[in-house]
Amino acid sequence: MNDTTQRPALPDRLSIDPRSPHYNAAIFEFDVGIRFNDKERTNVAEYCISEGWIIVPAGKALDRKGNPLMTKLKGRVEAFYR
């Protein structure tokens, strides 16, 4: 697996929202995984490793603009490339 040297380093904080200042399109060219409290999560919208939190959708509820309502969960966060 030689393409691990071509992947950019995962940042401390990353968001999937293009409007966020923590969005990085170069990282999303690869498949990124998030492990939260030793369980792999697939619905993470934003994470911060140093502060130990992730932001995930809160069920099927939507705000008035049609975006999902988000909730912050605190725990141990690990980001990795699949």
N, C-alpha and C. Protein backbone atom coordinates (compact mmCIF):
# COMPACT_ATOMS: atom_id res chain seq x y z
N MET A 1 0.83 -1.17 0.00
CA MET A 1 0.00 0.00 0.00
C MET A 1 0.88 1.24 0.00
N ASN A 2 1.23 1.70 -1.14
CA ASN A 2 2.11 2.86 -1.25
C ASN A 2 1.35 4.18 -1.29
N ASP A 3 0.02 4.14 -1.42
CA ASP A 3 -0.69 5.42 -1.52
C ASP A 3 -0.92 6.07 -0.16
N THR A 4 -0.47 5.47 0.93
CA THR A 4 -0.60 6.12 2.24
C THR A 4 0.35 7.32 2.34
N THR A 5 1.43 7.33 1.56
CA THR A 5 2.35 8.46 1.60
C THR A 5 1.77 9.67 0.86
N GLN A 6 0.80 9.46 0.00
CA GLN A 6 0.21 10.55 -0.78
C GLN A 6 -1.00 11.18 -0.08
N ARG A 7 -1.48 10.55 0.96
CA ARG A 7 -2.65 11.08 1.67
C ARG A 7 -2.24 12.23 2.58
N PRO A 8 -3.05 13.30 2.64
CA PRO A 8 -2.74 14.40 3.55
C PRO A 8 -2.96 13.96 5.00
N ALA A 9 -2.26 14.57 5.91
CA ALA A 9 -2.42 14.26 7.33
C ALA A 9 -3.82 14.69 7.79
N LEU A 10 -4.42 13.87 8.63
CA LEU A 10 -5.74 14.21 9.15
C LEU A 10 -5.61 15.34 10.17
N PRO A 11 -6.43 16.37 10.05
CA PRO A 11 -6.34 17.51 10.99
C PRO A 11 -6.97 17.17 12.34
N ASP A 12 -6.73 18.02 13.31
CA ASP A 12 -7.32 17.87 14.64
C ASP A 12 -8.83 18.07 14.59
N ARG A 13 -9.28 18.95 13.71
CA ARG A 13 -10.72 19.25 13.59
C ARG A 13 -11.09 19.26 12.12
N LEU A 14 -12.20 18.58 11.78
CA LEU A 14 -12.63 18.46 10.39
C LEU A 14 -14.15 18.45 10.33
N SER A 15 -14.70 19.12 9.31
CA SER A 15 -16.14 19.20 9.11
C SER A 15 -16.48 18.78 7.68
N ILE A 16 -17.68 18.20 7.50
CA ILE A 16 -18.11 17.83 6.15
C ILE A 16 -18.89 18.95 5.47
N ASP A 17 -19.19 20.01 6.20
CA ASP A 17 -19.95 21.15 5.67
C ASP A 17 -19.00 22.09 4.91
N PRO A 18 -19.20 22.30 3.59
CA PRO A 18 -18.32 23.17 2.82
C PRO A 18 -18.32 24.63 3.29
N ARG A 19 -19.32 25.06 4.02
CA ARG A 19 -19.38 26.43 4.54
C ARG A 19 -18.54 26.62 5.79
N SER A 20 -18.10 25.54 6.40
CA SER A 20 -17.33 25.59 7.64
C SER A 20 -15.87 25.96 7.37
N PRO A 21 -15.24 26.70 8.27
CA PRO A 21 -13.80 26.98 8.10
C PRO A 21 -12.93 25.74 8.33
N HIS A 22 -13.51 24.67 8.87
CA HIS A 22 -12.76 23.43 9.14
C HIS A 22 -12.96 22.39 8.04
N TYR A 23 -13.53 22.78 6.92
CA TYR A 23 -13.72 21.89 5.77
C TYR A 23 -12.44 21.84 4.95
N ASN A 24 -12.06 20.63 4.49
CA ASN A 24 -10.88 20.44 3.66
C ASN A 24 -11.22 19.44 2.57
N ALA A 25 -11.39 19.92 1.34
CA ALA A 25 -11.82 19.06 0.23
C ALA A 25 -10.77 18.01 -0.13
N ALA A 26 -9.49 18.30 0.06
CA ALA A 26 -8.43 17.36 -0.30
C ALA A 26 -8.51 16.09 0.54
N ILE A 27 -8.95 16.20 1.76
CA ILE A 27 -9.05 15.03 2.63
C ILE A 27 -10.22 14.15 2.22
N PHE A 28 -11.30 14.74 1.74
CA PHE A 28 -12.49 13.97 1.39
C PHE A 28 -12.37 13.25 0.05
N GLU A 29 -11.22 13.37 -0.62
CA GLU A 29 -10.97 12.55 -1.80
C GLU A 29 -10.69 11.11 -1.38
N PHE A 30 -10.38 10.89 -0.12
CA PHE A 30 -10.13 9.57 0.46
C PHE A 30 -11.24 9.23 1.44
N ASP A 31 -11.38 7.97 1.75
CA ASP A 31 -12.40 7.51 2.68
C ASP A 31 -11.89 7.68 4.11
N VAL A 32 -12.54 8.54 4.89
CA VAL A 32 -12.14 8.83 6.27
C VAL A 32 -13.09 8.13 7.22
N GLY A 33 -12.53 7.48 8.23
CA GLY A 33 -13.33 6.82 9.25
C GLY A 33 -13.15 7.50 10.59
N ILE A 34 -14.18 7.43 11.44
CA ILE A 34 -14.15 8.01 12.77
C ILE A 34 -14.50 6.91 13.77
N ARG A 35 -13.64 6.75 14.76
CA ARG A 35 -13.90 5.81 15.86
C ARG A 35 -14.16 6.65 17.10
N PHE A 36 -15.35 6.47 17.68
CA PHE A 36 -15.77 7.24 18.85
C PHE A 36 -16.02 6.26 19.99
N ASN A 37 -15.24 6.38 21.07
CA ASN A 37 -15.32 5.47 22.21
C ASN A 37 -15.23 4.01 21.76
N ASP A 38 -14.26 3.71 20.92
CA ASP A 38 -13.97 2.36 20.40
C ASP A 38 -15.09 1.78 19.53
N LYS A 39 -15.96 2.61 19.00
CA LYS A 39 -17.01 2.16 18.09
C LYS A 39 -16.95 3.02 16.84
N GLU A 40 -16.93 2.39 15.67
CA GLU A 40 -16.85 3.15 14.42
C GLU A 40 -18.20 3.79 14.12
N ARG A 41 -18.17 5.10 13.82
CA ARG A 41 -19.38 5.86 13.52
C ARG A 41 -19.36 6.26 12.05
N THR A 42 -20.52 6.23 11.42
CA THR A 42 -20.61 6.59 10.00
C THR A 42 -21.39 7.87 9.77
N ASN A 43 -21.99 8.45 10.80
CA ASN A 43 -22.84 9.63 10.63
C ASN A 43 -22.24 10.89 11.24
N VAL A 44 -20.93 10.98 11.34
CA VAL A 44 -20.27 12.13 11.98
C VAL A 44 -20.20 13.30 11.00
N ALA A 45 -20.68 14.47 11.42
CA ALA A 45 -20.64 15.67 10.58
C ALA A 45 -19.40 16.52 10.87
N GLU A 46 -18.89 16.47 12.09
CA GLU A 46 -17.71 17.23 12.46
C GLU A 46 -17.08 16.55 13.67
N TYR A 47 -15.75 16.65 13.78
CA TYR A 47 -15.07 16.09 14.94
C TYR A 47 -13.93 17.00 15.38
N CYS A 48 -13.52 16.84 16.63
CA CYS A 48 -12.35 17.50 17.17
C CYS A 48 -11.65 16.51 18.09
N ILE A 49 -10.45 16.11 17.73
CA ILE A 49 -9.73 15.10 18.49
C ILE A 49 -9.22 15.66 19.82
N SER A 50 -8.64 16.86 19.81
CA SER A 50 -8.03 17.41 21.03
C SER A 50 -9.07 17.74 22.10
N GLU A 51 -10.26 18.18 21.69
CA GLU A 51 -11.30 18.50 22.66
C GLU A 51 -12.19 17.30 22.96
N GLY A 52 -12.11 16.24 22.15
CA GLY A 52 -12.83 14.99 22.42
C GLY A 52 -14.32 15.07 22.19
N TRP A 53 -14.76 15.53 21.01
CA TRP A 53 -16.19 15.56 20.70
C TRP A 53 -16.44 15.31 19.22
N ILE A 54 -17.66 14.86 18.93
CA ILE A 54 -18.15 14.73 17.56
C ILE A 54 -19.52 15.38 17.50
N ILE A 55 -19.92 15.78 16.30
CA ILE A 55 -21.26 16.31 16.08
C ILE A 55 -21.97 15.38 15.11
N VAL A 56 -23.16 14.92 15.51
CA VAL A 56 -23.95 13.98 14.71
C VAL A 56 -25.38 14.49 14.60
N PRO A 57 -26.12 14.06 13.56
CA PRO A 57 -27.52 14.44 13.44
C PRO A 57 -28.34 13.89 14.61
N ALA A 58 -29.30 14.67 15.07
CA ALA A 58 -30.17 14.27 16.19
C ALA A 58 -31.46 13.70 15.62
N GLY A 59 -31.43 12.46 15.20
CA GLY A 59 -32.62 11.81 14.66
C GLY A 59 -33.00 12.36 13.29
N LYS A 60 -34.29 12.42 13.02
CA LYS A 60 -34.76 12.90 11.72
C LYS A 60 -35.24 14.34 11.75
N ALA A 61 -35.05 15.02 12.87
CA ALA A 61 -35.52 16.39 13.04
C ALA A 61 -34.73 17.35 12.14
N LEU A 62 -35.44 18.33 11.58
CA LEU A 62 -34.83 19.32 10.70
C LEU A 62 -35.09 20.71 11.26
N ASP A 63 -34.17 21.64 10.98
CA ASP A 63 -34.40 23.02 11.37
C ASP A 63 -35.26 23.71 10.31
N ARG A 64 -35.51 24.98 10.46
CA ARG A 64 -36.42 25.67 9.53
C ARG A 64 -35.84 25.85 8.13
N LYS A 65 -34.54 25.65 7.96
CA LYS A 65 -33.92 25.74 6.64
C LYS A 65 -33.77 24.37 5.99
N GLY A 66 -34.22 23.32 6.66
CA GLY A 66 -34.15 21.98 6.10
C GLY A 66 -32.88 21.21 6.41
N ASN A 67 -32.02 21.78 7.24
CA ASN A 67 -30.80 21.09 7.66
C ASN A 67 -31.09 20.24 8.90
N PRO A 68 -30.41 19.11 9.05
CA PRO A 68 -30.66 18.29 10.24
C PRO A 68 -30.18 18.98 11.52
N LEU A 69 -30.93 18.77 12.60
CA LEU A 69 -30.50 19.28 13.90
C LEU A 69 -29.33 18.43 14.37
N MET A 70 -28.34 19.06 14.96
CA MET A 70 -27.12 18.37 15.37
C MET A 70 -27.00 18.33 16.88
N THR A 71 -26.30 17.30 17.37
CA THR A 71 -26.00 17.19 18.78
C THR A 71 -24.53 16.85 18.95
N LYS A 72 -23.95 17.32 20.04
CA LYS A 72 -22.53 17.09 20.32
C LYS A 72 -22.39 15.98 21.35
N LEU A 73 -21.54 15.00 21.01
CA LEU A 73 -21.25 13.90 21.92
C LEU A 73 -19.79 14.00 22.33
N LYS A 74 -19.51 13.78 23.61
CA LYS A 74 -18.14 13.89 24.12
C LYS A 74 -17.61 12.50 24.46
N GLY A 75 -16.34 12.30 24.13
CA GLY A 75 -15.69 11.03 24.41
C GLY A 75 -14.34 10.97 23.72
N ARG A 76 -13.82 9.76 23.52
CA ARG A 76 -12.52 9.58 22.87
C ARG A 76 -12.73 9.47 21.37
N VAL A 77 -12.03 10.31 20.59
CA VAL A 77 -12.21 10.39 19.15
C VAL A 77 -10.90 9.99 18.46
N GLU A 78 -11.02 9.13 17.44
CA GLU A 78 -9.88 8.74 16.61
C GLU A 78 -10.31 8.85 15.15
N ALA A 79 -9.49 9.50 14.34
CA ALA A 79 -9.76 9.61 12.90
C ALA A 79 -8.72 8.77 12.16
N PHE A 80 -9.16 8.11 11.07
CA PHE A 80 -8.24 7.26 10.31
C PHE A 80 -8.72 7.17 8.87
N TYR A 81 -7.79 6.78 8.00
CA TYR A 81 -8.14 6.49 6.61
C TYR A 81 -8.49 5.02 6.51
N ARG A 82 -9.52 4.73 5.75
CA ARG A 82 -9.90 3.32 5.53
C ARG A 82 -9.12 2.76 4.39
